[in-house]
Amino acid sequence: MKIFDGLVQLWRANKQMRFPRINLKNSFLFQSRHYNPMKQALYLQCPIRIITGDRDEIIPVEKIEKLFSKIPEMLDKEMKIVPGANHKFSKTKDFEIMKDYFSQFFETYL
C-alpha cells in the first residue's frame, strides 16, 4: 500500500483534489499513481521537516515514520508528531504548532 492511498481514495470519490482556492483535476490522480514517495525520499538532497498528527485520519503515523526512515541520514532532517492533531491540523493550537514549526524552518533555510 502506498503512503498516499487514503488521499487517492478521497480524490477519486470527489473527482478532484481540494485545497483552499486550488482544485487539481483527474490528471493529478493519474500522475499520483506513478509517484512513490518511499522511493523518492532516497534521493532527497536538502534539509527537510515533516510534521504529522497522531490522529491523522488519512496518513497513519506509522507510514510517515517509514517515509522519514527512508530519508538519507546525512541530511538535516527532523520529524515532529503533534499529539491529538488530525491531517488538517484543524484545532487552532495544532495549526499554530504546525505553522511555527515550518516558520522556524523557513527562517533558517530560506
PDB file of N, CA and C in Angstrom:
ATOM      1  N   MET A   1       0.839  -1.180   0.000  1.00  0.00           N
ATOM      2  CA  MET A   1       0.000   0.000   0.000  1.00  0.00           C
ATOM      3  C   MET A   1       0.887   1.247   0.000  1.00  0.00           C
ATOM      4  N   LYS A   2       0.638   2.149  -0.909  1.00  0.00           N
ATOM      5  CA  LYS A   2       1.393   3.392  -0.987  1.00  0.00           C
ATOM      6  C   LYS A   2       0.974   4.329   0.137  1.00  0.00           C
ATOM      7  N   ILE A   3       1.853   5.232   0.467  1.00  0.00           N
ATOM      8  CA  ILE A   3       1.599   6.152   1.577  1.00  0.00           C
ATOM      9  C   ILE A   3       0.402   7.058   1.307  1.00  0.00           C
ATOM     10  N   PHE A   4       0.105   7.349   0.041  1.00  0.00           N
ATOM     11  CA  PHE A   4      -0.978   8.272  -0.279  1.00  0.00           C
ATOM     12  C   PHE A   4      -2.283   7.579  -0.667  1.00  0.00           C
ATOM     13  N   ASP A   5      -2.420   6.294  -0.417  1.00  0.00           N
ATOM     14  CA  ASP A   5      -3.635   5.580  -0.814  1.00  0.00           C
ATOM     15  C   ASP A   5      -4.896   6.213  -0.240  1.00  0.00           C
ATOM     16  N   GLY A   6      -4.862   6.628   1.017  1.00  0.00           N
ATOM     17  CA  GLY A   6      -6.041   7.255   1.622  1.00  0.00           C
ATOM     18  C   GLY A   6      -6.433   8.525   0.909  1.00  0.00           C
ATOM     19  N   LEU A   7      -5.434   9.329   0.557  1.00  0.00           N
ATOM     20  CA  LEU A   7      -5.719  10.553  -0.189  1.00  0.00           C
ATOM     21  C   LEU A   7      -6.272  10.244  -1.567  1.00  0.00           C
ATOM     22  N   VAL A   8      -5.688   9.282  -2.237  1.00  0.00           N
ATOM     23  CA  VAL A   8      -6.137   8.934  -3.585  1.00  0.00           C
ATOM     24  C   VAL A   8      -7.594   8.487  -3.560  1.00  0.00           C
ATOM     25  N   GLN A   9      -7.992   7.753  -2.535  1.00  0.00           N
ATOM     26  CA  GLN A   9      -9.394   7.336  -2.424  1.00  0.00           C
ATOM     27  C   GLN A   9     -10.321   8.543  -2.303  1.00  0.00           C
ATOM     28  N   LEU A  10      -9.919   9.527  -1.504  1.00  0.00           N
ATOM     29  CA  LEU A  10     -10.717  10.749  -1.385  1.00  0.00           C
ATOM     30  C   LEU A  10     -10.773  11.504  -2.703  1.00  0.00           C
ATOM     31  N   TRP A  11      -9.634  11.600  -3.379  1.00  0.00           N
ATOM     32  CA  TRP A  11      -9.589  12.321  -4.650  1.00  0.00           C
ATOM     33  C   TRP A  11     -10.491  11.650  -5.674  1.00  0.00           C
ATOM     34  N   ARG A  12     -10.443  10.325  -5.697  1.00  0.00           N
ATOM     35  CA  ARG A  12     -11.296   9.597  -6.658  1.00  0.00           C
ATOM     36  C   ARG A  12     -12.776   9.825  -6.350  1.00  0.00           C
ATOM     37  N   ALA A  13     -13.128   9.765  -5.093  1.00  0.00           N
ATOM     38  CA  ALA A  13     -14.530   9.952  -4.710  1.00  0.00           C
ATOM     39  C   ALA A  13     -15.025  11.343  -5.085  1.00  0.00           C
ATOM     40  N   ASN A  14     -14.162  12.344  -4.939  1.00  0.00           N
ATOM     41  CA  ASN A  14     -14.537  13.724  -5.241  1.00  0.00           C
ATOM     42  C   ASN A  14     -14.257  14.121  -6.689  1.00  0.00           C
ATOM     43  N   LYS A  15     -13.550  13.264  -7.421  1.00  0.00           N
ATOM     44  CA  LYS A  15     -13.108  13.520  -8.790  1.00  0.00           C
ATOM     45  C   LYS A  15     -12.178  14.730  -8.883  1.00  0.00           C
ATOM     46  N   GLN A  16     -11.651  15.139  -7.779  1.00  0.00           N
ATOM     47  CA  GLN A  16     -10.634  16.200  -7.747  1.00  0.00           C
ATOM     48  C   GLN A  16     -10.033  16.267  -6.350  1.00  0.00           C
ATOM     49  N   MET A  17      -8.871  16.888  -6.283  1.00  0.00           N
ATOM     50  CA  MET A  17      -8.223  17.097  -5.005  1.00  0.00           C
ATOM     51  C   MET A  17      -8.471  18.537  -4.603  1.00  0.00           C
ATOM     52  N   ARG A  18      -8.933  18.749  -3.394  1.00  0.00           N
ATOM     53  CA  ARG A  18      -9.307  20.101  -2.982  1.00  0.00           C
ATOM     54  C   ARG A  18      -8.355  20.656  -1.933  1.00  0.00           C
ATOM     55  N   PHE A  19      -7.919  21.851  -2.190  1.00  0.00           N
ATOM     56  CA  PHE A  19      -7.202  22.691  -1.249  1.00  0.00           C
ATOM     57  C   PHE A  19      -7.916  24.030  -1.277  1.00  0.00           C
ATOM     58  N   PRO A  20      -7.721  24.871  -0.292  1.00  0.00           N
ATOM     59  CA  PRO A  20      -8.345  26.195  -0.381  1.00  0.00           C
ATOM     60  C   PRO A  20      -7.910  26.909  -1.663  1.00  0.00           C
ATOM     61  N   ARG A  21      -8.865  27.273  -2.468  1.00  0.00           N
ATOM     62  CA  ARG A  21      -8.669  28.033  -3.709  1.00  0.00           C
ATOM     63  C   ARG A  21      -7.942  27.281  -4.819  1.00  0.00           C
ATOM     64  N   ILE A  22      -7.681  25.997  -4.649  1.00  0.00           N
ATOM     65  CA  ILE A  22      -6.993  25.220  -5.681  1.00  0.00           C
ATOM     66  C   ILE A  22      -7.753  23.916  -5.888  1.00  0.00           C
ATOM     67  N   ASN A  23      -8.048  23.578  -7.129  1.00  0.00           N
ATOM     68  CA  ASN A  23      -8.638  22.280  -7.451  1.00  0.00           C
ATOM     69  C   ASN A  23      -7.751  21.575  -8.470  1.00  0.00           C
ATOM     70  N   LEU A  24      -7.227  20.448  -8.090  1.00  0.00           N
ATOM     71  CA  LEU A  24      -6.424  19.653  -9.003  1.00  0.00           C
ATOM     72  C   LEU A  24      -7.323  18.577  -9.589  1.00  0.00           C
ATOM     73  N   LYS A  25      -7.366  18.500 -10.877  1.00  0.00           N
ATOM     74  CA  LYS A  25      -8.301  17.603 -11.554  1.00  0.00           C
ATOM     75  C   LYS A  25      -7.756  16.177 -11.652  1.00  0.00           C
ATOM     76  N   ASN A  26      -8.446  15.354 -12.396  1.00  0.00           N
ATOM     77  CA  ASN A  26      -8.119  13.931 -12.500  1.00  0.00           C
ATOM     78  C   ASN A  26      -6.715  13.653 -13.023  1.00  0.00           C
ATOM     79  N   SER A  27      -6.126  14.576 -13.777  1.00  0.00           N
ATOM     80  CA  SER A  27      -4.771  14.336 -14.275  1.00  0.00           C
ATOM     81  C   SER A  27      -3.806  14.158 -13.104  1.00  0.00           C
ATOM     82  N   PHE A  28      -4.074  14.861 -12.003  1.00  0.00           N
ATOM     83  CA  PHE A  28      -3.236  14.696 -10.818  1.00  0.00           C
ATOM     84  C   PHE A  28      -3.399  13.293 -10.233  1.00  0.00           C
ATOM     85  N   LEU A  29      -4.628  12.781 -10.254  1.00  0.00           N
ATOM     86  CA  LEU A  29      -4.859  11.409  -9.785  1.00  0.00           C
ATOM     87  C   LEU A  29      -4.045  10.425 -10.599  1.00  0.00           C
ATOM     88  N   PHE A  30      -4.054  10.602 -11.907  1.00  0.00           N
ATOM     89  CA  PHE A  30      -3.297   9.713 -12.786  1.00  0.00           C
ATOM     90  C   PHE A  30      -1.809   9.779 -12.450  1.00  0.00           C
ATOM     91  N   GLN A  31      -1.292  10.988 -12.302  1.00  0.00           N
ATOM     92  CA  GLN A  31       0.127  11.155 -12.000  1.00  0.00           C
ATOM     93  C   GLN A  31       0.474  10.593 -10.627  1.00  0.00           C
ATOM     94  N   SER A  32      -0.421  10.722  -9.659  1.00  0.00           N
ATOM     95  CA  SER A  32      -0.126  10.256  -8.307  1.00  0.00           C
ATOM     96  C   SER A  32       0.021   8.744  -8.238  1.00  0.00           C
ATOM     97  N   ARG A  33      -0.578   8.022  -9.170  1.00  0.00           N
ATOM     98  CA  ARG A  33      -0.432   6.559  -9.193  1.00  0.00           C
ATOM     99  C   ARG A  33       0.996   6.136  -9.520  1.00  0.00           C
ATOM    100  N   HIS A  34       1.734   7.015 -10.170  1.00  0.00           N
ATOM    101  CA  HIS A  34       3.089   6.684 -10.608  1.00  0.00           C
ATOM    102  C   HIS A  34       4.159   7.277  -9.693  1.00  0.00           C
ATOM    103  N   TYR A  35       3.734   7.946  -8.652  1.00  0.00           N
ATOM    104  CA  TYR A  35       4.651   8.598  -7.730  1.00  0.00           C
ATOM    105  C   TYR A  35       4.753   7.773  -6.461  1.00  0.00           C
ATOM    106  N   ASN A  36       5.953   7.403  -6.108  1.00  0.00           N
ATOM    107  CA  ASN A  36       6.165   6.614  -4.902  1.00  0.00           C
ATOM    108  C   ASN A  36       7.070   7.395  -3.949  1.00  0.00           C
ATOM    109  N   PRO A  37       6.498   8.053  -2.939  1.00  0.00           N
ATOM    110  CA  PRO A  37       7.314   8.860  -2.033  1.00  0.00           C
ATOM    111  C   PRO A  37       8.393   8.059  -1.305  1.00  0.00           C
ATOM    112  N   MET A  38       8.164   6.779  -1.077  1.00  0.00           N
ATOM    113  CA  MET A  38       9.173   5.958  -0.396  1.00  0.00           C
ATOM    114  C   MET A  38      10.453   5.875  -1.230  1.00  0.00           C
ATOM    115  N   LYS A  39      10.303   5.774  -2.535  1.00  0.00           N
ATOM    116  CA  LYS A  39      11.476   5.734  -3.417  1.00  0.00           C
ATOM    117  C   LYS A  39      12.079   7.124  -3.575  1.00  0.00           C
ATOM    118  N   GLN A  40      11.235   8.130  -3.724  1.00  0.00           N
ATOM    119  CA  GLN A  40      11.724   9.496  -3.925  1.00  0.00           C
ATOM    120  C   GLN A  40      12.499  10.004  -2.712  1.00  0.00           C
ATOM    121  N   ALA A  41      12.119   9.568  -1.525  1.00  0.00           N
ATOM    122  CA  ALA A  41      12.790  10.025  -0.296  1.00  0.00           C
ATOM    123  C   ALA A  41      14.280   9.692  -0.312  1.00  0.00           C
ATOM    124  N   LEU A  42      14.632   8.613  -0.970  1.00  0.00           N
ATOM    125  CA  LEU A  42      16.034   8.194  -1.032  1.00  0.00           C
ATOM    126  C   LEU A  42      16.908   9.198  -1.768  1.00  0.00           C
ATOM    127  N   TYR A  43      16.309  10.003  -2.615  1.00  0.00           N
ATOM    128  CA  TYR A  43      17.058  10.927  -3.468  1.00  0.00           C
ATOM    129  C   TYR A  43      17.048  12.381  -2.978  1.00  0.00           C
ATOM    130  N   LEU A  44      16.456  12.629  -1.837  1.00  0.00           N
ATOM    131  CA  LEU A  44      16.440  13.992  -1.307  1.00  0.00           C
ATOM    132  C   LEU A  44      17.863  14.457  -1.025  1.00  0.00           C
ATOM    133  N   GLN A  45      18.088  15.748  -1.266  1.00  0.00           N
ATOM    134  CA  GLN A  45      19.423  16.308  -1.063  1.00  0.00           C
ATOM    135  C   GLN A  45      19.373  17.645  -0.340  1.00  0.00           C
ATOM    136  N   CYS A  46      18.322  17.890   0.383  1.00  0.00           N
ATOM    137  CA  CYS A  46      18.160  19.175   1.060  1.00  0.00           C
ATOM    138  C   CYS A  46      17.604  18.937   2.468  1.00  0.00           C
ATOM    139  N   PRO A  47      17.722  19.933   3.333  1.00  0.00           N
ATOM    140  CA  PRO A  47      17.116  19.795   4.666  1.00  0.00           C
ATOM    141  C   PRO A  47      15.606  19.573   4.541  1.00  0.00           C
ATOM    142  N   ILE A  48      15.069  18.806   5.438  1.00  0.00           N
ATOM    143  CA  ILE A  48      13.634  18.501   5.355  1.00  0.00           C
ATOM    144  C   ILE A  48      13.026  18.413   6.745  1.00  0.00           C
ATOM    145  N   ARG A  49      11.788  18.882   6.836  1.00  0.00           N
ATOM    146  CA  ARG A  49      10.996  18.770   8.056  1.00  0.00           C
ATOM    147  C   ARG A  49       9.676  18.109   7.701  1.00  0.00           C
ATOM    148  N   ILE A  50       9.252  17.205   8.561  1.00  0.00           N
ATOM    149  CA  ILE A  50       7.960  16.530   8.390  1.00  0.00           C
ATOM    150  C   ILE A  50       7.200  16.703   9.697  1.00  0.00           C
ATOM    151  N   ILE A  51       5.944  17.075   9.574  1.00  0.00           N
ATOM    152  CA  ILE A  51       5.096  17.185  10.758  1.00  0.00           C
ATOM    153  C   ILE A  51       3.798  16.437  10.479  1.00  0.00           C
ATOM    154  N   THR A  52       3.331  15.735  11.478  1.00  0.00           N
ATOM    155  CA  THR A  52       2.079  14.988  11.355  1.00  0.00           C
ATOM    156  C   THR A  52       1.405  14.955  12.718  1.00  0.00           C
ATOM    157  N   GLY A  53       0.152  14.609  12.706  1.00  0.00           N
ATOM    158  CA  GLY A  53      -0.573  14.437  13.954  1.00  0.00           C
ATOM    159  C   GLY A  53      -0.765  12.968  14.249  1.00  0.00           C
ATOM    160  N   ASP A  54      -0.831  12.637  15.524  1.00  0.00           N
ATOM    161  CA  ASP A  54      -1.041  11.219  15.859  1.00  0.00           C
ATOM    162  C   ASP A  54      -2.494  10.789  15.652  1.00  0.00           C
ATOM    163  N   ARG A  55      -3.347  11.726  15.247  1.00  0.00           N
ATOM    164  CA  ARG A  55      -4.742  11.407  14.910  1.00  0.00           C
ATOM    165  C   ARG A  55      -5.023  11.652  13.430  1.00  0.00           C
ATOM    166  N   ASP A  56      -3.964  11.616  12.604  1.00  0.00           N
ATOM    167  CA  ASP A  56      -4.132  11.825  11.160  1.00  0.00           C
ATOM    168  C   ASP A  56      -5.008  10.714  10.610  1.00  0.00           C
ATOM    169  N   GLU A  57      -6.143  11.095  10.033  1.00  0.00           N
ATOM    170  CA  GLU A  57      -7.113  10.122   9.529  1.00  0.00           C
ATOM    171  C   GLU A  57      -6.832   9.698   8.090  1.00  0.00           C
ATOM    172  N   ILE A  58      -5.839  10.301   7.453  1.00  0.00           N
ATOM    173  CA  ILE A  58      -5.542   9.979   6.055  1.00  0.00           C
ATOM    174  C   ILE A  58      -4.233   9.211   5.918  1.00  0.00           C
ATOM    175  N   ILE A  59      -3.184   9.685   6.573  1.00  0.00           N
ATOM    176  CA  ILE A  59      -1.889   9.006   6.503  1.00  0.00           C
ATOM    177  C   ILE A  59      -1.462   8.655   7.929  1.00  0.00           C
ATOM    178  N   PRO A  60      -1.499   7.372   8.280  1.00  0.00           N
ATOM    179  CA  PRO A  60      -1.136   6.953   9.637  1.00  0.00           C
ATOM    180  C   PRO A  60       0.308   7.324   9.993  1.00  0.00           C
ATOM    181  N   VAL A  61       0.537   7.600  11.262  1.00  0.00           N
ATOM    182  CA  VAL A  61       1.869   7.967  11.755  1.00  0.00           C
ATOM    183  C   VAL A  61       2.909   6.924  11.344  1.00  0.00           C
ATOM    184  N   GLU A  62       2.542   5.662  11.382  1.00  0.00           N
ATOM    185  CA  GLU A  62       3.493   4.595  11.038  1.00  0.00           C
ATOM    186  C   GLU A  62       4.018   4.766   9.610  1.00  0.00           C
ATOM    187  N   LYS A  63       3.152   5.204   8.700  1.00  0.00           N
ATOM    188  CA  LYS A  63       3.568   5.415   7.300  1.00  0.00           C
ATOM    189  C   LYS A  63       4.515   6.612   7.202  1.00  0.00           C
ATOM    190  N   ILE A  64       4.229   7.663   7.969  1.00  0.00           N
ATOM    191  CA  ILE A  64       5.097   8.840   7.965  1.00  0.00           C
ATOM    192  C   ILE A  64       6.462   8.474   8.565  1.00  0.00           C
ATOM    193  N   GLU A  65       6.452   7.690   9.630  1.00  0.00           N
ATOM    194  CA  GLU A  65       7.715   7.246  10.233  1.00  0.00           C
ATOM    195  C   GLU A  65       8.518   6.406   9.247  1.00  0.00           C
ATOM    196  N   LYS A  66       7.834   5.557   8.506  1.00  0.00           N
ATOM    197  CA  LYS A  66       8.521   4.746   7.492  1.00  0.00           C
ATOM    198  C   LYS A  66       9.121   5.637   6.413  1.00  0.00           C
ATOM    199  N   LEU A  67       8.359   6.620   5.950  1.00  0.00           N
ATOM    200  CA  LEU A  67       8.863   7.562   4.959  1.00  0.00           C
ATOM    201  C   LEU A  67      10.084   8.297   5.507  1.00  0.00           C
ATOM    202  N   PHE A  68       9.983   8.782   6.730  1.00  0.00           N
ATOM    203  CA  PHE A  68      11.082   9.504   7.355  1.00  0.00           C
ATOM    204  C   PHE A  68      12.347   8.641   7.426  1.00  0.00           C
ATOM    205  N   SER A  69      12.183   7.366   7.702  1.00  0.00           N
ATOM    206  CA  SER A  69      13.341   6.464   7.803  1.00  0.00           C
ATOM    207  C   SER A  69      14.054   6.290   6.465  1.00  0.00           C
ATOM    208  N   LYS A  70      13.360   6.538   5.363  1.00  0.00           N
ATOM    209  CA  LYS A  70      13.957   6.400   4.030  1.00  0.00           C
ATOM    210  C   LYS A  70      14.818   7.602   3.645  1.00  0.00           C
ATOM    211  N   ILE A  71      14.618   8.722   4.310  1.00  0.00           N
ATOM    212  CA  ILE A  71      15.394   9.931   4.003  1.00  0.00           C
ATOM    213  C   ILE A  71      16.832   9.706   4.474  1.00  0.00           C
ATOM    214  N   PRO A  72      17.806  10.001   3.622  1.00  0.00           N
ATOM    215  CA  PRO A  72      19.211   9.748   3.995  1.00  0.00           C
ATOM    216  C   PRO A  72      19.593  10.387   5.336  1.00  0.00           C
ATOM    217  N   GLU A  73      20.336   9.636   6.130  1.00  0.00           N
ATOM    218  CA  GLU A  73      20.735  10.078   7.462  1.00  0.00           C
ATOM    219  C   GLU A  73      21.647  11.294   7.425  1.00  0.00           C
ATOM    220  N   MET A  74      22.384  11.480   6.325  1.00  0.00           N
ATOM    221  CA  MET A  74      23.338  12.591   6.238  1.00  0.00           C
ATOM    222  C   MET A  74      22.648  13.954   6.124  1.00  0.00           C
ATOM    223  N   LEU A  75      21.362  13.952   5.819  1.00  0.00           N
ATOM    224  CA  LEU A  75      20.628  15.202   5.674  1.00  0.00           C
ATOM    225  C   LEU A  75      20.207  15.763   7.028  1.00  0.00           C
ATOM    226  N   ASP A  76      19.995  17.062   7.043  1.00  0.00           N
ATOM    227  CA  ASP A  76      19.400  17.696   8.216  1.00  0.00           C
ATOM    228  C   ASP A  76      17.905  17.410   8.131  1.00  0.00           C
ATOM    229  N   LYS A  77      17.470  16.407   8.860  1.00  0.00           N
ATOM    230  CA  LYS A  77      16.059  16.005   8.801  1.00  0.00           C
ATOM    231  C   LYS A  77      15.483  15.958  10.202  1.00  0.00           C
ATOM    232  N   GLU A  78      14.208  16.251  10.275  1.00  0.00           N
ATOM    233  CA  GLU A  78      13.528  16.251  11.568  1.00  0.00           C
ATOM    234  C   GLU A  78      12.059  15.929  11.346  1.00  0.00           C
ATOM    235  N   MET A  79      11.484  15.178  12.265  1.00  0.00           N
ATOM    236  CA  MET A  79      10.067  14.863  12.207  1.00  0.00           C
ATOM    237  C   MET A  79       9.438  15.194  13.552  1.00  0.00           C
ATOM    238  N   LYS A  80       8.246  15.781  13.491  1.00  0.00           N
ATOM    239  CA  LYS A  80       7.512  16.135  14.711  1.00  0.00           C
ATOM    240  C   LYS A  80       6.129  15.502  14.633  1.00  0.00           C
ATOM    241  N   ILE A  81       5.714  14.855  15.700  1.00  0.00           N
ATOM    242  CA  ILE A  81       4.375  14.281  15.794  1.00  0.00           C
ATOM    243  C   ILE A  81       3.610  15.093  16.840  1.00  0.00           C
ATOM    244  N   VAL A  82       2.509  15.690  16.417  1.00  0.00           N
ATOM    245  CA  VAL A  82       1.716  16.536  17.303  1.00  0.00           C
ATOM    246  C   VAL A  82       0.610  15.689  17.939  1.00  0.00           C
ATOM    247  N   PRO A  83       0.643  15.515  19.255  1.00  0.00           N
ATOM    248  CA  PRO A  83      -0.390  14.717  19.929  1.00  0.00           C
ATOM    249  C   PRO A  83      -1.785  15.318  19.705  1.00  0.00           C
ATOM    250  N   GLY A  84      -2.702  14.474  19.276  1.00  0.00           N
ATOM    251  CA  GLY A  84      -4.094  14.889  19.102  1.00  0.00           C
ATOM    252  C   GLY A  84      -4.415  15.574  17.782  1.00  0.00           C
ATOM    253  N   ALA A  85      -3.405  15.899  16.981  1.00  0.00           N
ATOM    254  CA  ALA A  85      -3.652  16.623  15.727  1.00  0.00           C
ATOM    255  C   ALA A  85      -4.121  15.678  14.628  1.00  0.00           C
ATOM    256  N   ASN A  86      -5.048  16.182  13.804  1.00  0.00           N
ATOM    257  CA  ASN A  86      -5.512  15.406  12.657  1.00  0.00           C
ATOM    258  C   ASN A  86      -4.749  15.837  11.402  1.00  0.00           C
ATOM    259  N   HIS A  87      -5.146  15.329  10.249  1.00  0.00           N
ATOM    260  CA  HIS A  87      -4.433  15.600   8.997  1.00  0.00           C
ATOM    261  C   HIS A  87      -4.427  17.084   8.641  1.00  0.00           C
ATOM    262  N   LYS A  88      -5.511  17.773   8.947  1.00  0.00           N
ATOM    263  CA  LYS A  88      -5.640  19.190   8.578  1.00  0.00           C
ATOM    264  C   LYS A  88      -5.129  20.140   9.657  1.00  0.00           C
ATOM    265  N   PHE A  89      -4.687  19.600  10.803  1.00  0.00           N
ATOM    266  CA  PHE A  89      -4.310  20.438  11.934  1.00  0.00           C
ATOM    267  C   PHE A  89      -5.442  21.437  12.205  1.00  0.00           C
ATOM    268  N   SER A  90      -6.664  20.923  12.289  1.00  0.00           N
ATOM    269  CA  SER A  90      -7.858  21.774  12.330  1.00  0.00           C
ATOM    270  C   SER A  90      -8.087  22.485  13.663  1.00  0.00           C
ATOM    271  N   LYS A  91      -7.519  21.983  14.746  1.00  0.00           N
ATOM    272  CA  LYS A  91      -7.616  22.717  16.017  1.00  0.00           C
ATOM    273  C   LYS A  91      -6.625  23.874  15.968  1.00  0.00           C
ATOM    274  N   THR A  92      -7.027  25.012  16.486  1.00  0.00           N
ATOM    275  CA  THR A  92      -6.194  26.216  16.435  1.00  0.00           C
ATOM    276  C   THR A  92      -4.813  25.977  17.019  1.00  0.00           C
ATOM    277  N   LYS A  93      -4.745  25.312  18.164  1.00  0.00           N
ATOM    278  CA  LYS A  93      -3.438  25.093  18.798  1.00  0.00           C
ATOM    279  C   LYS A  93      -2.547  24.180  17.946  1.00  0.00           C
ATOM    280  N   ASP A  94      -3.143  23.179  17.300  1.00  0.00           N
ATOM    281  CA  ASP A  94      -2.371  22.284  16.431  1.00  0.00           C
ATOM    282  C   ASP A  94      -1.866  23.033  15.202  1.00  0.00           C
ATOM    283  N   PHE A  95      -2.730  23.872  14.639  1.00  0.00           N
ATOM    284  CA  PHE A  95      -2.336  24.653  13.471  1.00  0.00           C
ATOM    285  C   PHE A  95      -1.186  25.603  13.820  1.00  0.00           C
ATOM    286  N   GLU A  96      -1.248  26.205  14.993  1.00  0.00           N
ATOM    287  CA  GLU A  96      -0.186  27.116  15.429  1.00  0.00           C
ATOM    288  C   GLU A  96       1.139  26.369  15.608  1.00  0.00           C
ATOM    289  N   ILE A  97       1.076  25.161  16.145  1.00  0.00           N
ATOM    290  CA  ILE A  97       2.289  24.343  16.294  1.00  0.00           C
ATOM    291  C   ILE A  97       2.884  24.058  14.919  1.00  0.00           C
ATOM    292  N   MET A  98       2.034  23.647  13.972  1.00  0.00           N
ATOM    293  CA  MET A  98       2.497  23.347  12.619  1.00  0.00           C
ATOM    294  C   MET A  98       3.081  24.590  11.951  1.00  0.00           C
ATOM    295  N   LYS A  99       2.387  25.717  12.063  1.00  0.00           N
ATOM    296  CA  LYS A  99       2.828  26.966  11.455  1.00  0.00           C
ATOM    297  C   LYS A  99       4.181  27.398  12.031  1.00  0.00           C
ATOM    298  N   ASP A 100       4.315  27.338  13.347  1.00  0.00           N
ATOM    299  CA  ASP A 100       5.569  27.734  13.989  1.00  0.00           C
ATOM    300  C   ASP A 100       6.725  26.813  13.590  1.00  0.00           C
ATOM    301  N   TYR A 101       6.428  25.545  13.478  1.00  0.00           N
ATOM    302  CA  TYR A 101       7.438  24.550  13.095  1.00  0.00           C
ATOM    303  C   TYR A 101       8.014  24.884  11.722  1.00  0.00           C
ATOM    304  N   PHE A 102       7.139  25.140  10.763  1.00  0.00           N
ATOM    305  CA  PHE A 102       7.615  25.453   9.412  1.00  0.00           C
ATOM    306  C   PHE A 102       8.181  26.862   9.313  1.00  0.00           C
ATOM    307  N   SER A 103       7.630  27.804  10.049  1.00  0.00           N
ATOM    308  CA  SER A 103       8.171  29.168  10.041  1.00  0.00           C
ATOM    309  C   SER A 103       9.620  29.168  10.502  1.00  0.00           C
ATOM    310  N   GLN A 104       9.882  28.432  11.555  1.00  0.00           N
ATOM    311  CA  GLN A 104      11.237  28.322  12.087  1.00  0.00           C
ATOM    312  C   GLN A 104      12.171  27.701  11.040  1.00  0.00           C
ATOM    313  N   PHE A 105      11.692  26.668  10.366  1.00  0.00           N
ATOM    314  CA  PHE A 105      12.469  26.015   9.311  1.00  0.00           C
ATOM    315  C   PHE A 105      12.772  26.989   8.176  1.00  0.00           C
ATOM    316  N   PHE A 106      11.742  27.719   7.718  1.00  0.00           N
ATOM    317  CA  PHE A 106      11.915  28.660   6.612  1.00  0.00           C
ATOM    318  C   PHE A 106      12.861  29.796   6.997  1.00  0.00           C
ATOM    319  N   GLU A 107      12.744  30.274   8.216  1.00  0.00           N
ATOM    320  CA  GLU A 107      13.649  31.343   8.664  1.00  0.00           C
ATOM    321  C   GLU A 107      15.108  30.880   8.666  1.00  0.00           C
ATOM    322  N   THR A 108      15.309  29.619   8.956  1.00  0.00           N
ATOM    323  CA  THR A 108      16.652  29.070   8.991  1.00  0.00           C
ATOM    324  C   THR A 108      17.225  28.847   7.593  1.00  0.00           C
ATOM    325  N   TYR A 109      16.417  28.336   6.679  1.00  0.00           N
ATOM    326  CA  TYR A 109      16.931  27.874   5.395  1.00  0.00           C
ATOM    327  C   TYR A 109      16.600  28.716   4.182  1.00  0.00           C
ATOM    328  N   LEU A 110      15.684  29.678   4.318  1.00  0.00           N
ATOM    329  CA  LEU A 110      15.353  30.491   3.143  1.00  0.00           C
ATOM    330  C   LEU A 110      15.904  31.884   3.268  1.00  0.00           C
TER     331      LEU A 110
END
